[in-house]
Protein backbone atom coordinates (compact mmCIF):
# COMPACT_ATOMS: atom_id res chain seq x y z
CA MET A 1 11.52 -8.31 4.37
CA LYS A 2 14.34 -9.37 6.64
CA PHE A 3 14.85 -13.03 7.38
CA TRP A 4 16.91 -14.37 10.25
CA ARG A 5 17.99 -17.06 7.81
CA LYS A 6 17.89 -17.29 4.05
CA PRO A 7 14.95 -19.36 2.74
CA LEU A 8 15.95 -22.41 0.69
CA ASP A 9 13.65 -21.48 -2.20
CA ILE A 10 14.54 -17.77 -2.37
CA ASP A 11 15.40 -18.05 -6.06
CA GLN A 12 11.94 -19.48 -6.85
CA VAL A 13 9.87 -16.96 -4.88
CA LYS A 14 8.60 -13.93 -6.80
CA VAL A 15 7.52 -11.04 -4.59
CA PRO A 16 4.43 -9.32 -6.04
CA HIS A 17 4.38 -5.55 -6.46
CA GLY A 18 1.52 -3.12 -6.73
CA ASP A 19 0.56 0.50 -7.10
CA VAL A 20 -1.68 2.06 -4.47
CA VAL A 21 -4.52 4.22 -5.79
CA ILE A 22 -6.14 6.63 -3.33
CA ILE A 23 -9.49 8.33 -3.94
CA ALA A 24 -8.82 11.33 -1.70
CA GLU A 25 -12.32 12.78 -1.82
CA ARG A 26 -13.86 9.60 -0.35
CA CYS A 27 -11.39 9.40 2.53
CA LYS A 28 -12.39 10.40 6.08
CA GLY A 29 -8.87 10.21 7.49
CA CYS A 30 -9.32 7.20 9.76
CA ALA A 31 -5.72 6.09 9.05
CA PHE A 32 -6.54 2.37 9.18
CA CYS A 33 -4.65 1.87 5.93
CA VAL A 34 -1.60 3.66 7.34
CA GLU A 35 -1.60 1.63 10.56
CA TYR A 36 -2.09 -1.79 9.00
CA CYS A 37 0.22 -1.51 5.96
CA PRO A 38 2.90 -4.20 6.48
CA LYS A 39 5.51 -2.29 4.44
CA ASP A 40 4.75 1.23 5.79
CA VAL A 41 4.03 2.50 2.27
CA LEU A 42 1.39 5.04 3.38
CA ALA A 43 1.32 8.13 5.59
CA LEU A 44 -1.30 10.78 6.24
CA SER A 45 -0.73 13.83 4.05
CA LYS A 46 -0.62 17.45 5.16
CA ASP A 47 -3.25 18.37 2.53
CA PHE A 48 -6.99 18.41 3.16
CA ASN A 49 -9.73 16.92 0.99
CA LYS A 50 -13.13 18.58 0.43
CA LYS A 51 -14.47 17.02 3.62
CA GLY A 52 -11.65 18.54 5.68
CA TYR A 53 -9.74 15.32 6.38
CA HIS A 54 -6.13 14.37 5.75
CA PRO A 55 -6.15 11.54 3.16
CA PRO A 56 -3.21 9.11 2.99
CA GLU A 57 -0.40 9.45 0.50
CA VAL A 58 2.18 7.00 -0.83
CA ILE A 59 5.59 7.72 0.70
CA LYS A 60 7.47 4.60 -0.45
CA SER A 61 6.68 4.22 -4.11
CA GLY A 62 7.51 0.74 -5.41
CA GLU A 63 7.53 -0.91 -1.97
CA CYS A 64 3.91 -2.12 -2.07
CA VAL A 65 3.63 -5.93 -2.08
CA ASN A 66 0.01 -5.90 -3.29
CA CYS A 67 -1.38 -7.55 -0.17
CA ASN A 68 -4.65 -5.58 -0.55
CA LEU A 69 -4.91 -5.13 3.22
CA CYS A 70 -5.51 -1.40 2.84
CA GLU A 71 -8.33 -2.13 0.41
CA MET A 72 -9.97 -4.66 2.74
CA ILE A 73 -9.77 -2.49 5.85
CA CYS A 74 -10.93 0.85 4.39
CA PRO A 75 -14.49 1.58 5.57
CA ASP A 76 -15.06 4.13 2.76
CA PHE A 77 -13.65 2.14 -0.20
CA ALA A 78 -11.24 5.03 -0.81
CA ILE A 79 -8.12 3.00 -1.58
CA TYR A 80 -7.17 0.03 -3.73
CA CYS A 81 -4.12 -1.71 -5.16
CA VAL A 82 -3.32 -2.51 -8.75
CA ALA A 83 -0.93 -5.36 -9.50
CA VAL A 84 2.23 -4.41 -11.39
CA GLU A 85 4.09 -6.91 -13.53
CA ASP A 86 7.82 -7.05 -12.92
CA ASP A 87 9.56 -6.63 -16.29
CA SER A 88 13.06 -7.30 -14.91
CA ALA A 89 12.31 -11.05 -14.52
CA ALA A 90 11.53 -11.49 -18.22
């Protein structure tokens, strides 16, 4: 995220990270998750699922901030996020 100024507590803020899990066979290709992802982690794939739709795919691995917006907006419950612990801070 770009700031027009540096926050005063930047050293105290820990940005969460997550892994996006996509259940491709449930997806109907509505692309809500792609449109509403704040970090543009997802894009529609060129592959088809069994229903004939293009499911999303992760294009920016490691950029997910685990906001769970894709999970909340998916009408088919075909996507979810899993929190990842940052080992570099330990």
